[in-house]
Amino acid sequence: MYAPIVMFVYNRTHHFEQAFRALAKCPEAAESELFIFSDGPRNESDSIRVAGVRRCVRRMMRERAFMRMHIEERKTNMGLSPSVIDGVSQIIEKFGRVIVIEDDAVVSPYFLKFMNAALDYYEDDNTIGSIAGYTPAIEFPDDYRKDVFTAYRSCSFGWATWRENWDGCDWELKDIKQFMKNRDMIKRLNANGSDRFKRLYNLSKGVGTSWSVRFGAHMVKNNWLTIYPRYSYVINIGNEALASKNTVEDSDMVSVDLDRAIENFELETPEINQDIQKALKNHYSQGGLNDARNAASDFGLFLKSMF
């Protein structure tokens, strides 16, 4: 059986349609179960757009592109992070694994093939905590020939994991101060981008709601890595400026070329490649380094040498 797919939608009908159509083109869709979580409107003006998305979802359900489709229409607005935590927890508890995308993720036709194969291949590998579907357009070493690589950073642009890796995450940040005082954990958290420490610190102060940063810290605590494809199976269209862009030459942080996605990939568990880690770190540290250092100093952590 293929892993269940969870999609989170809100008020963007055009984005959802693009994401749904792309996902439905994956050959595995016809044998997959799709669960859609529709968050409630934040205010009266959002109600019309939320209702429009829900009508669109029900119309898509009649097309029977998936083996089964379900929609949970939330009566109130939970916000993205609580909605993701609740929705993923519901489905992963029942099925033991899950593939997750949001309504602004357009995928390659090989996306479900890769995600399901990786979930099977790495299920018993206690060094791997999650699977990424998105890889930024970074430079690879000339001698790197593998179809996948490992990284300390988890991914939120199309991803997958297993129940035992999702359970136990410190969503309420009860252990945040202890975490912040652990130099090794902070070093791993920032190994692929100084933005992670900054955002986690802000969360500890009640600023922001990111589920992905909390899950990333959970991965670090358990010393788990994420498996990434060499070339991305996902492009994010949530930024309106990127809506017409889909090439590796674009300078925007989330631009990739889906035509490079590998159909017949080879899975393995490569050792950490330091050149790739540096490329990821440079990619995700744009503008965040000084803020991360300032945040760290509040805990008496002078981490300059670690960045």
C-alpha atoms as a PDB file:
ATOM      1  CA  MET A   1       0.000   0.000   0.000  1.00  0.00           C
ATOM      2  CA  TYR A   2       1.112   3.528  -0.695  1.00  0.00           C
ATOM      3  CA  ALA A   3       1.448   6.005   2.158  1.00  0.00           C
ATOM      4  CA  PRO A   4      -1.503   8.327   2.822  1.00  0.00           C
ATOM      5  CA  ILE A   5      -1.105  11.869   1.552  1.00  0.00           C
ATOM      6  CA  VAL A   6      -2.119  14.838   3.697  1.00  0.00           C
ATOM      7  CA  MET A   7      -2.735  18.230   2.106  1.00  0.00           C
ATOM      8  CA  PHE A   8      -3.436  21.449   3.994  1.00  0.00           C
ATOM      9  CA  VAL A   9      -5.516  24.139   2.274  1.00  0.00           C
ATOM     10  CA  TYR A  10      -6.865  27.519   3.228  1.00  0.00           C
ATOM     11  CA  ASN A  11      -8.175  30.226   0.929  1.00  0.00           C
ATOM     12  CA  ARG A  12      -6.197  30.030  -2.331  1.00  0.00           C
ATOM     13  CA  THR A  13      -8.291  28.205  -4.923  1.00  0.00           C
ATOM     14  CA  HIS A  14      -5.874  28.856  -7.793  1.00  0.00           C
ATOM     15  CA  HIS A  15      -2.904  27.512  -5.835  1.00  0.00           C
ATOM     16  CA  PHE A  16      -4.844  24.468  -4.676  1.00  0.00           C
ATOM     17  CA  GLU A  17      -5.953  23.609  -8.199  1.00  0.00           C
ATOM     18  CA  GLN A  18      -2.372  23.720  -9.473  1.00  0.00           C
ATOM     19  CA  ALA A  19      -1.101  21.639  -6.557  1.00  0.00           C
ATOM     20  CA  PHE A  20      -3.908  19.095  -6.894  1.00  0.00           C
ATOM     21  CA  ARG A  21      -3.556  18.683 -10.664  1.00  0.00           C
ATOM     22  CA  ALA A  22       0.191  18.121 -10.367  1.00  0.00           C
ATOM     23  CA  LEU A  23      -0.213  15.583  -7.564  1.00  0.00           C
ATOM     24  CA  ALA A  24      -2.917  13.734  -9.510  1.00  0.00           C
ATOM     25  CA  LYS A  25      -0.479  13.257 -12.415  1.00  0.00           C
ATOM     26  CA  CYS A  26       1.664  10.979 -10.276  1.00  0.00           C
ATOM     27  CA  PRO A  27       0.879   7.402 -11.394  1.00  0.00           C
ATOM     28  CA  GLU A  28       0.671   6.331  -7.736  1.00  0.00           C
ATOM     29  CA  ALA A  29      -2.186   8.777  -7.053  1.00  0.00           C
ATOM     30  CA  ALA A  30      -4.802   6.328  -8.337  1.00  0.00           C
ATOM     31  CA  GLU A  31      -3.796   3.895  -5.598  1.00  0.00           C
ATOM     32  CA  SER A  32      -3.282   6.484  -2.847  1.00  0.00           C
ATOM     33  CA  GLU A  33      -5.569   7.933  -0.201  1.00  0.00           C
ATOM     34  CA  LEU A  34      -5.669  11.735   0.037  1.00  0.00           C
ATOM     35  CA  PHE A  35      -6.736  13.568   3.197  1.00  0.00           C
ATOM     36  CA  ILE A  36      -7.405  17.288   2.843  1.00  0.00           C
ATOM     37  CA  PHE A  37      -7.591  19.537   5.902  1.00  0.00           C
ATOM     38  CA  SER A  38      -9.350  22.836   5.217  1.00  0.00           C
ATOM     39  CA  ASP A  39      -8.763  25.435   7.919  1.00  0.00           C
ATOM     40  CA  GLY A  40     -11.626  27.710   8.946  1.00  0.00           C
ATOM     41  CA  PRO A  41     -11.695  31.414   7.993  1.00  0.00           C
ATOM     42  CA  ARG A  42      -9.881  33.969  10.135  1.00  0.00           C
ATOM     43  CA  ASN A  43     -12.510  36.601   9.544  1.00  0.00           C
ATOM     44  CA  GLU A  44     -15.668  37.340   7.582  1.00  0.00           C
ATOM     45  CA  SER A  45     -13.835  38.506   4.471  1.00  0.00           C
ATOM     46  CA  ASP A  46     -11.959  35.183   4.307  1.00  0.00           C
ATOM     47  CA  SER A  47     -15.155  33.151   4.527  1.00  0.00           C
ATOM     48  CA  ILE A  48     -15.985  33.529   0.826  1.00  0.00           C
ATOM     49  CA  ARG A  49     -12.533  32.418  -0.313  1.00  0.00           C
ATOM     50  CA  VAL A  50     -12.432  29.491   2.118  1.00  0.00           C
ATOM     51  CA  ALA A  51     -15.855  28.393   0.876  1.00  0.00           C
ATOM     52  CA  GLY A  52     -14.557  28.653  -2.700  1.00  0.00           C
ATOM     53  CA  VAL A  53     -11.647  26.347  -1.940  1.00  0.00           C
ATOM     54  CA  ARG A  54     -13.976  23.825  -0.325  1.00  0.00           C
ATOM     55  CA  ARG A  55     -16.275  23.825  -3.348  1.00  0.00           C
ATOM     56  CA  CYS A  56     -13.241  23.234  -5.529  1.00  0.00           C
ATOM     57  CA  VAL A  57     -12.100  20.327  -3.345  1.00  0.00           C
ATOM     58  CA  ARG A  58     -15.510  18.661  -3.555  1.00  0.00           C
ATOM     59  CA  ARG A  59     -15.490  19.111  -7.332  1.00  0.00           C
ATOM     60  CA  MET A  60     -12.074  17.488  -7.527  1.00  0.00           C
ATOM     61  CA  MET A  61     -13.304  14.602  -5.395  1.00  0.00           C
ATOM     62  CA  ARG A  62     -15.808  13.727  -8.116  1.00  0.00           C
ATOM     63  CA  GLU A  63     -12.983  13.274 -10.618  1.00  0.00           C
ATOM     64  CA  ARG A  64     -11.734  10.226  -8.678  1.00  0.00           C
ATOM     65  CA  ALA A  65      -8.068  10.901  -9.406  1.00  0.00           C
ATOM     66  CA  PHE A  66      -7.180   9.203  -6.115  1.00  0.00           C
ATOM     67  CA  MET A  67      -8.218   5.865  -4.700  1.00  0.00           C
ATOM     68  CA  ARG A  68     -10.060   7.720  -1.950  1.00  0.00           C
ATOM     69  CA  MET A  69     -10.336  11.387  -0.984  1.00  0.00           C
ATOM     70  CA  HIS A  70     -11.485  12.923   2.283  1.00  0.00           C
ATOM     71  CA  ILE A  71     -11.906  16.512   3.422  1.00  0.00           C
ATOM     72  CA  GLU A  72     -12.078  17.782   6.983  1.00  0.00           C
ATOM     73  CA  GLU A  73     -13.604  21.256   7.011  1.00  0.00           C
ATOM     74  CA  ARG A  74     -12.597  22.942  10.229  1.00  0.00           C
ATOM     75  CA  LYS A  75     -15.275  25.220  11.679  1.00  0.00           C
ATOM     76  CA  THR A  76     -12.812  27.647  13.235  1.00  0.00           C
ATOM     77  CA  ASN A  77      -9.404  28.954  12.206  1.00  0.00           C
ATOM     78  CA  MET A  78      -6.641  26.944  13.829  1.00  0.00           C
ATOM     79  CA  GLY A  79      -3.752  28.533  11.940  1.00  0.00           C
ATOM     80  CA  LEU A  80      -1.306  26.597   9.799  1.00  0.00           C
ATOM     81  CA  SER A  81       0.957  25.165  12.505  1.00  0.00           C
ATOM     82  CA  PRO A  82      -1.779  23.810  14.817  1.00  0.00           C
ATOM     83  CA  SER A  83      -3.612  22.494  11.757  1.00  0.00           C
ATOM     84  CA  VAL A  84      -0.510  20.654  10.504  1.00  0.00           C
ATOM     85  CA  ILE A  85       0.318  19.199  13.916  1.00  0.00           C
ATOM     86  CA  ASP A  86      -3.256  18.022  14.445  1.00  0.00           C
ATOM     87  CA  GLY A  87      -3.809  16.732  10.915  1.00  0.00           C
ATOM     88  CA  VAL A  88      -0.523  14.874  10.604  1.00  0.00           C
ATOM     89  CA  SER A  89      -0.975  13.382  14.080  1.00  0.00           C
ATOM     90  CA  GLN A  90      -4.441  12.082  13.167  1.00  0.00           C
ATOM     91  CA  ILE A  91      -3.329  10.345   9.983  1.00  0.00           C
ATOM     92  CA  ILE A  92       0.046   9.094  11.137  1.00  0.00           C
ATOM     93  CA  GLU A  93      -1.523   7.520  14.205  1.00  0.00           C
ATOM     94  CA  LYS A  94      -3.782   5.479  11.949  1.00  0.00           C
ATOM     95  CA  PHE A  95      -1.371   4.584   9.141  1.00  0.00           C
ATOM     96  CA  GLY A  96       2.094   4.766  10.738  1.00  0.00           C
ATOM     97  CA  ARG A  97       3.540   6.968   7.985  1.00  0.00           C
ATOM     98  CA  VAL A  98       2.503  10.003   6.000  1.00  0.00           C
ATOM     99  CA  ILE A  99       3.384  12.200   3.016  1.00  0.00           C
ATOM    100  CA  VAL A 100       2.593  15.880   3.577  1.00  0.00           C
ATOM    101  CA  ILE A 101       2.162  18.821   1.213  1.00  0.00           C
ATOM    102  CA  GLU A 102       0.477  22.206   1.381  1.00  0.00           C
ATOM    103  CA  ASP A 103      -1.703  23.919  -1.193  1.00  0.00           C
ATOM    104  CA  ASP A 104       1.216  25.853  -2.695  1.00  0.00           C
ATOM    105  CA  ALA A 105       3.366  22.817  -3.503  1.00  0.00           C
ATOM    106  CA  VAL A 106       3.452  21.767  -7.159  1.00  0.00           C
ATOM    107  CA  VAL A 107       5.107  18.385  -7.552  1.00  0.00           C
ATOM    108  CA  SER A 108       6.892  16.388 -10.232  1.00  0.00           C
ATOM    109  CA  PRO A 109       5.116  13.308 -11.638  1.00  0.00           C
ATOM    110  CA  TYR A 110       7.824  11.290  -9.847  1.00  0.00           C
ATOM    111  CA  PHE A 111       7.139  12.818  -6.423  1.00  0.00           C
ATOM    112  CA  LEU A 112       4.977  10.010  -5.018  1.00  0.00           C
ATOM    113  CA  LYS A 113       7.269   7.352  -6.464  1.00  0.00           C
ATOM    114  CA  PHE A 114      10.255   8.846  -4.653  1.00  0.00           C
ATOM    115  CA  MET A 115       8.466   9.507  -1.356  1.00  0.00           C
ATOM    116  CA  ASN A 116       6.940   6.036  -1.102  1.00  0.00           C
ATOM    117  CA  ALA A 117      10.157   4.301  -2.100  1.00  0.00           C
ATOM    118  CA  ALA A 118      12.119   6.309   0.475  1.00  0.00           C
ATOM    119  CA  LEU A 119       9.571   5.607   3.226  1.00  0.00           C
ATOM    120  CA  ASP A 120      10.006   1.896   2.552  1.00  0.00           C
ATOM    121  CA  TYR A 121      13.772   1.950   2.129  1.00  0.00           C
ATOM    122  CA  TYR A 122      14.640   4.019   5.231  1.00  0.00           C
ATOM    123  CA  GLU A 123      11.913   2.778   7.577  1.00  0.00           C
ATOM    124  CA  ASP A 124      14.328   0.687   9.677  1.00  0.00           C
ATOM    125  CA  ASP A 125      17.264   3.084   9.379  1.00  0.00           C
ATOM    126  CA  ASN A 126      17.584   4.675  12.819  1.00  0.00           C
ATOM    127  CA  THR A 127      19.760   7.497  11.438  1.00  0.00           C
ATOM    128  CA  ILE A 128      16.978   8.860   9.198  1.00  0.00           C
ATOM    129  CA  GLY A 129      14.106  10.851  10.697  1.00  0.00           C
ATOM    130  CA  SER A 130      12.310  12.221   7.646  1.00  0.00           C
ATOM    131  CA  ILE A 131      12.222  12.414   3.853  1.00  0.00           C
ATOM    132  CA  ALA A 132      12.377  15.683   1.900  1.00  0.00           C
ATOM    133  CA  GLY A 133      10.679  16.197  -1.445  1.00  0.00           C
ATOM    134  CA  TYR A 134      12.136  19.673  -1.993  1.00  0.00           C
ATOM    135  CA  THR A 135      15.804  20.479  -2.579  1.00  0.00           C
ATOM    136  CA  PRO A 136      16.946  24.051  -3.240  1.00  0.00           C
ATOM    137  CA  ALA A 137      19.019  24.799  -6.323  1.00  0.00           C
ATOM    138  CA  ILE A 138      22.435  24.459  -4.714  1.00  0.00           C
ATOM    139  CA  GLU A 139      25.816  23.644  -6.242  1.00  0.00           C
ATOM    140  CA  PHE A 140      26.948  20.033  -5.810  1.00  0.00           C
ATOM    141  CA  PRO A 141      30.596  18.933  -5.693  1.00  0.00           C
ATOM    142  CA  ASP A 142      31.845  17.921  -9.132  1.00  0.00           C
ATOM    143  CA  ASP A 143      32.539  14.378  -7.967  1.00  0.00           C
ATOM    144  CA  TYR A 144      29.156  13.807  -6.263  1.00  0.00           C
ATOM    145  CA  ARG A 145      27.269  11.180  -8.256  1.00  0.00           C
ATOM    146  CA  LYS A 146      24.557  10.020  -5.837  1.00  0.00           C
ATOM    147  CA  ASP A 147      20.820  10.581  -6.362  1.00  0.00           C
ATOM    148  CA  VAL A 148      20.246  11.474  -2.693  1.00  0.00           C
ATOM    149  CA  PHE A 149      22.112  13.155   0.137  1.00  0.00           C
ATOM    150  CA  THR A 150      21.711  13.509   3.896  1.00  0.00           C
ATOM    151  CA  ALA A 151      21.359  16.755   5.845  1.00  0.00           C
ATOM    152  CA  TYR A 152      20.698  17.883   9.402  1.00  0.00           C
ATOM    153  CA  ARG A 153      17.887  20.155   8.257  1.00  0.00           C
ATOM    154  CA  SER A 154      14.331  18.847   7.973  1.00  0.00           C
ATOM    155  CA  CYS A 155      12.058  20.005   5.139  1.00  0.00           C
ATOM    156  CA  SER A 156       8.550  21.495   5.034  1.00  0.00           C
ATOM    157  CA  PHE A 157       8.039  21.841   1.240  1.00  0.00           C
ATOM    158  CA  GLY A 158       6.697  18.341   0.610  1.00  0.00           C
ATOM    159  CA  TRP A 159       7.969  15.817   3.133  1.00  0.00           C
ATOM    160  CA  ALA A 160       7.307  12.477   4.800  1.00  0.00           C
ATOM    161  CA  THR A 161       7.978  10.684   8.064  1.00  0.00           C
ATOM    162  CA  TRP A 162       6.952   7.768  10.254  1.00  0.00           C
ATOM    163  CA  ARG A 163       4.865   7.669  13.436  1.00  0.00           C
ATOM    164  CA  GLU A 164       7.761   6.799  15.752  1.00  0.00           C
ATOM    165  CA  ASN A 165       9.692   9.835  14.483  1.00  0.00           C
ATOM    166  CA  TRP A 166       6.743  12.229  14.750  1.00  0.00           C
ATOM    167  CA  ASP A 167       5.608  11.135  18.208  1.00  0.00           C
ATOM    168  CA  GLY A 168       7.261  12.759  21.174  1.00  0.00           C
ATOM    169  CA  CYS A 169       7.991  16.113  19.525  1.00  0.00           C
ATOM    170  CA  ASP A 170       8.123  18.929  22.088  1.00  0.00           C
ATOM    171  CA  TRP A 171       5.396  21.047  20.493  1.00  0.00           C
ATOM    172  CA  GLU A 172       4.944  23.087  23.684  1.00  0.00           C
ATOM    173  CA  LEU A 173       8.684  23.830  23.959  1.00  0.00           C
ATOM    174  CA  LYS A 174       8.829  22.574  27.535  1.00  0.00           C
ATOM    175  CA  ASP A 175      12.534  21.720  27.210  1.00  0.00           C
ATOM    176  CA  ILE A 176      13.553  24.740  25.140  1.00  0.00           C
ATOM    177  CA  LYS A 177      15.957  26.297  27.653  1.00  0.00           C
ATOM    178  CA  GLN A 178      17.787  23.012  28.120  1.00  0.00           C
ATOM    179  CA  PHE A 179      17.979  22.609  24.365  1.00  0.00           C
ATOM    180  CA  MET A 180      19.391  26.109  23.895  1.00  0.00           C
ATOM    181  CA  LYS A 181      22.172  25.410  26.385  1.00  0.00           C
ATOM    182  CA  ASN A 182      23.397  22.345  24.504  1.00  0.00           C
ATOM    183  CA  ARG A 183      26.178  23.426  22.172  1.00  0.00           C
ATOM    184  CA  ASP A 184      26.153  20.241  20.115  1.00  0.00           C
ATOM    185  CA  MET A 185      22.428  20.507  19.450  1.00  0.00           C
ATOM    186  CA  ILE A 186      22.663  24.163  18.484  1.00  0.00           C
ATOM    187  CA  LYS A 187      25.546  23.358  16.174  1.00  0.00           C
ATOM    188  CA  ARG A 188      23.527  20.657  14.406  1.00  0.00           C
ATOM    189  CA  LEU A 189      20.429  22.860  14.299  1.00  0.00           C
ATOM    190  CA  ASN A 190      22.398  25.559  12.492  1.00  0.00           C
ATOM    191  CA  ALA A 191      24.510  23.238  10.363  1.00  0.00           C
ATOM    192  CA  ASN A 192      22.318  23.946   7.342  1.00  0.00           C
ATOM    193  CA  GLY A 193      21.232  27.511   8.041  1.00  0.00           C
ATOM    194  CA  SER A 194      21.426  30.063  10.846  1.00  0.00           C
ATOM    195  CA  ASP A 195      17.728  30.871  10.349  1.00  0.00           C
ATOM    196  CA  ARG A 196      16.712  27.821  12.388  1.00  0.00           C
ATOM    197  CA  PHE A 197      18.185  29.034  15.685  1.00  0.00           C
ATOM    198  CA  LYS A 198      16.717  32.490  15.235  1.00  0.00           C
ATOM    199  CA  ARG A 199      13.229  31.128  14.599  1.00  0.00           C
ATOM    200  CA  LEU A 200      13.401  28.628  17.457  1.00  0.00           C
ATOM    201  CA  TYR A 201      14.547  31.336  19.840  1.00  0.00           C
ATOM    202  CA  ASN A 202      11.700  33.590  18.707  1.00  0.00           C
ATOM    203  CA  LEU A 203       9.245  30.741  19.290  1.00  0.00           C
ATOM    204  CA  SER A 204      10.539  30.405  22.843  1.00  0.00           C
ATOM    205  CA  LYS A 205       9.636  34.084  23.334  1.00  0.00           C
ATOM    206  CA  GLY A 206       6.141  33.619  21.920  1.00  0.00           C
ATOM    207  CA  VAL A 207       6.958  35.065  18.503  1.00  0.00           C
ATOM    208  CA  GLY A 208       5.862  32.906  15.568  1.00  0.00           C
ATOM    209  CA  THR A 209       4.165  29.519  15.409  1.00  0.00           C
ATOM    210  CA  SER A 210       6.325  27.387  13.090  1.00  0.00           C
ATOM    211  CA  TRP A 211       5.689  23.645  13.421  1.00  0.00           C
ATOM    212  CA  SER A 212       8.630  22.856  11.140  1.00  0.00           C
ATOM    213  CA  VAL A 213      11.229  24.515  13.365  1.00  0.00           C
ATOM    214  CA  ARG A 214       9.926  22.572  16.368  1.00  0.00           C
ATOM    215  CA  PHE A 215      10.030  19.343  14.395  1.00  0.00           C
ATOM    216  CA  GLY A 216      13.532  20.243  13.216  1.00  0.00           C
ATOM    217  CA  ALA A 217      14.653  20.652  16.823  1.00  0.00           C
ATOM    218  CA  HIS A 218      13.050  17.285  17.622  1.00  0.00           C
ATOM    219  CA  MET A 219      15.098  15.739  14.813  1.00  0.00           C
ATOM    220  CA  VAL A 220      18.273  17.309  16.202  1.00  0.00           C
ATOM    221  CA  LYS A 221      17.552  16.013  19.719  1.00  0.00           C
ATOM    222  CA  ASN A 222      17.371  12.489  18.334  1.00  0.00           C
ATOM    223  CA  ASN A 223      20.391  12.957  16.058  1.00  0.00           C
ATOM    224  CA  TRP A 224      18.304  12.085  12.991  1.00  0.00           C
ATOM    225  CA  LEU A 225      19.093  13.155   9.454  1.00  0.00           C
ATOM    226  CA  THR A 226      16.800  13.954   6.543  1.00  0.00           C
ATOM    227  CA  ILE A 227      17.140  12.284   3.162  1.00  0.00           C
ATOM    228  CA  TYR A 228      17.010  14.774   0.272  1.00  0.00           C
ATOM    229  CA  PRO A 229      16.757  14.095  -3.457  1.00  0.00           C
ATOM    230  CA  ARG A 230      19.611  15.515  -5.509  1.00  0.00           C
ATOM    231  CA  TYR A 231      17.089  17.423  -7.615  1.00  0.00           C
ATOM    232  CA  SER A 232      13.799  18.678  -6.276  1.00  0.00           C
ATOM    233  CA  TYR A 233      10.465  16.941  -6.771  1.00  0.00           C
ATOM    234  CA  VAL A 234       8.615  20.024  -5.475  1.00  0.00           C
ATOM    235  CA  ILE A 235       8.382  23.695  -6.355  1.00  0.00           C
ATOM    236  CA  ASN A 236       6.684  26.190  -4.043  1.00  0.00           C
ATOM    237  CA  ILE A 237       4.311  28.632  -5.746  1.00  0.00           C
ATOM    238  CA  GLY A 238       3.095  30.354  -2.577  1.00  0.00           C
ATOM    239  CA  ASN A 239       5.111  33.486  -3.248  1.00  0.00           C
ATOM    240  CA  GLU A 240       3.238  35.341  -5.971  1.00  0.00           C
ATOM    241  CA  ALA A 241       6.507  36.605  -7.377  1.00  0.00           C
ATOM    242  CA  LEU A 242       7.469  33.001  -8.116  1.00  0.00           C
ATOM    243  CA  ALA A 243       4.225  31.986  -9.781  1.00  0.00           C
ATOM    244  CA  SER A 244       5.668  32.238 -13.287  1.00  0.00           C
ATOM    245  CA  LYS A 245       9.171  31.013 -12.423  1.00  0.00           C
ATOM    246  CA  ASN A 246      10.332  27.429 -12.646  1.00  0.00           C
ATOM    247  CA  THR A 247      13.989  27.437 -13.641  1.00  0.00           C
ATOM    248  CA  VAL A 248      17.198  26.857 -11.779  1.00  0.00           C
ATOM    249  CA  GLU A 249      18.586  30.143 -13.098  1.00  0.00           C
ATOM    250  CA  ASP A 250      16.130  32.201 -11.027  1.00  0.00           C
ATOM    251  CA  SER A 251      17.759  33.720  -7.967  1.00  0.00           C
ATOM    252  CA  ASP A 252      14.787  33.387  -5.602  1.00  0.00           C
ATOM    253  CA  MET A 253      15.424  31.042  -2.713  1.00  0.00           C
ATOM    254  CA  VAL A 254      12.673  28.559  -3.565  1.00  0.00           C
ATOM    255  CA  SER A 255      13.111  28.396  -7.349  1.00  0.00           C
ATOM    256  CA  VAL A 256      13.990  25.002  -8.797  1.00  0.00           C
ATOM    257  CA  ASP A 257      13.701  23.168 -12.094  1.00  0.00           C
ATOM    258  CA  LEU A 258      11.250  20.258 -11.833  1.00  0.00           C
ATOM    259  CA  ASP A 259      12.428  18.929 -15.188  1.00  0.00           C
ATOM    260  CA  ARG A 260      15.611  17.781 -13.476  1.00  0.00           C
ATOM    261  CA  ALA A 261      13.760  15.482 -11.063  1.00  0.00           C
ATOM    262  CA  ILE A 262      15.093  11.927 -11.389  1.00  0.00           C
ATOM    263  CA  GLU A 263      12.582   9.271 -12.415  1.00  0.00           C
ATOM    264  CA  ASN A 264      14.721   6.188 -11.869  1.00  0.00           C
ATOM    265  CA  PHE A 265      16.669   7.032  -8.732  1.00  0.00           C
ATOM    266  CA  GLU A 266      18.930   4.883  -6.575  1.00  0.00           C
ATOM    267  CA  LEU A 267      18.448   5.026  -2.810  1.00  0.00           C
ATOM    268  CA  GLU A 268      21.246   4.681  -0.277  1.00  0.00           C
ATOM    269  CA  THR A 269      22.328   6.305   2.987  1.00  0.00           C
ATOM    270  CA  PRO A 270      25.279   8.542   2.114  1.00  0.00           C
ATOM    271  CA  GLU A 271      27.536   9.964   4.761  1.00  0.00           C
ATOM    272  CA  ILE A 272      27.255  13.682   5.416  1.00  0.00           C
ATOM    273  CA  ASN A 273      28.996  15.575   2.622  1.00  0.00           C
ATOM    274  CA  GLN A 274      30.522  18.725   4.058  1.00  0.00           C
ATOM    275  CA  ASP A 275      30.511  20.626   0.767  1.00  0.00           C
ATOM    276  CA  ILE A 276      26.767  20.042   0.395  1.00  0.00           C
ATOM    277  CA  GLN A 277      26.212  21.052   4.029  1.00  0.00           C
ATOM    278  CA  LYS A 278      28.031  24.323   3.417  1.00  0.00           C
ATOM    279  CA  ALA A 279      25.975  24.965   0.287  1.00  0.00           C
ATOM    280  CA  LEU A 280      22.752  24.439   2.229  1.00  0.00           C
ATOM    281  CA  LYS A 281      24.005  26.623   5.053  1.00  0.00           C
ATOM    282  CA  ASN A 282      24.840  29.478   2.705  1.00  0.00           C
ATOM    283  CA  HIS A 283      21.466  29.113   1.033  1.00  0.00           C
ATOM    284  CA  TYR A 284      19.419  29.262   4.232  1.00  0.00           C
ATOM    285  CA  SER A 285      21.573  31.728   6.192  1.00  0.00           C
ATOM    286  CA  GLN A 286      20.822  34.735   4.007  1.00  0.00           C
ATOM    287  CA  GLY A 287      20.290  37.637   6.387  1.00  0.00           C
ATOM    288  CA  GLY A 288      19.895  35.466   9.460  1.00  0.00           C
ATOM    289  CA  LEU A 289      23.394  35.157  10.893  1.00  0.00           C
ATOM    290  CA  ASN A 290      23.577  38.271  13.054  1.00  0.00           C
ATOM    291  CA  ASP A 291      20.058  37.793  14.365  1.00  0.00           C
ATOM    292  CA  ALA A 292      20.902  34.229  15.343  1.00  0.00           C
ATOM    293  CA  ARG A 293      24.037  35.346  17.186  1.00  0.00           C
ATOM    294  CA  ASN A 294      22.129  38.057  19.032  1.00  0.00           C
ATOM    295  CA  ALA A 295      19.442  35.599  20.042  1.00  0.00           C
ATOM    296  CA  ALA A 296      22.043  33.129  21.257  1.00  0.00           C
ATOM    297  CA  SER A 297      23.748  35.735  23.431  1.00  0.00           C
ATOM    298  CA  ASP A 298      20.608  36.056  25.554  1.00  0.00           C
ATOM    299  CA  PHE A 299      21.362  32.547  26.782  1.00  0.00           C
ATOM    300  CA  GLY A 300      25.019  33.292  27.273  1.00  0.00           C
ATOM    301  CA  LEU A 301      25.929  31.203  24.245  1.00  0.00           C
ATOM    302  CA  PHE A 302      28.703  32.671  22.174  1.00  0.00           C
ATOM    303  CA  LEU A 303      28.328  30.605  19.059  1.00  0.00           C
ATOM    304  CA  LYS A 304      30.285  32.702  16.587  1.00  0.00           C
ATOM    305  CA  SER A 305      32.743  29.878  15.908  1.00  0.00           C
ATOM    306  CA  MET A 306      29.907  27.485  15.145  1.00  0.00           C
ATOM    307  CA  PHE A 307      28.333  29.471  12.297  1.00  0.00           C
END
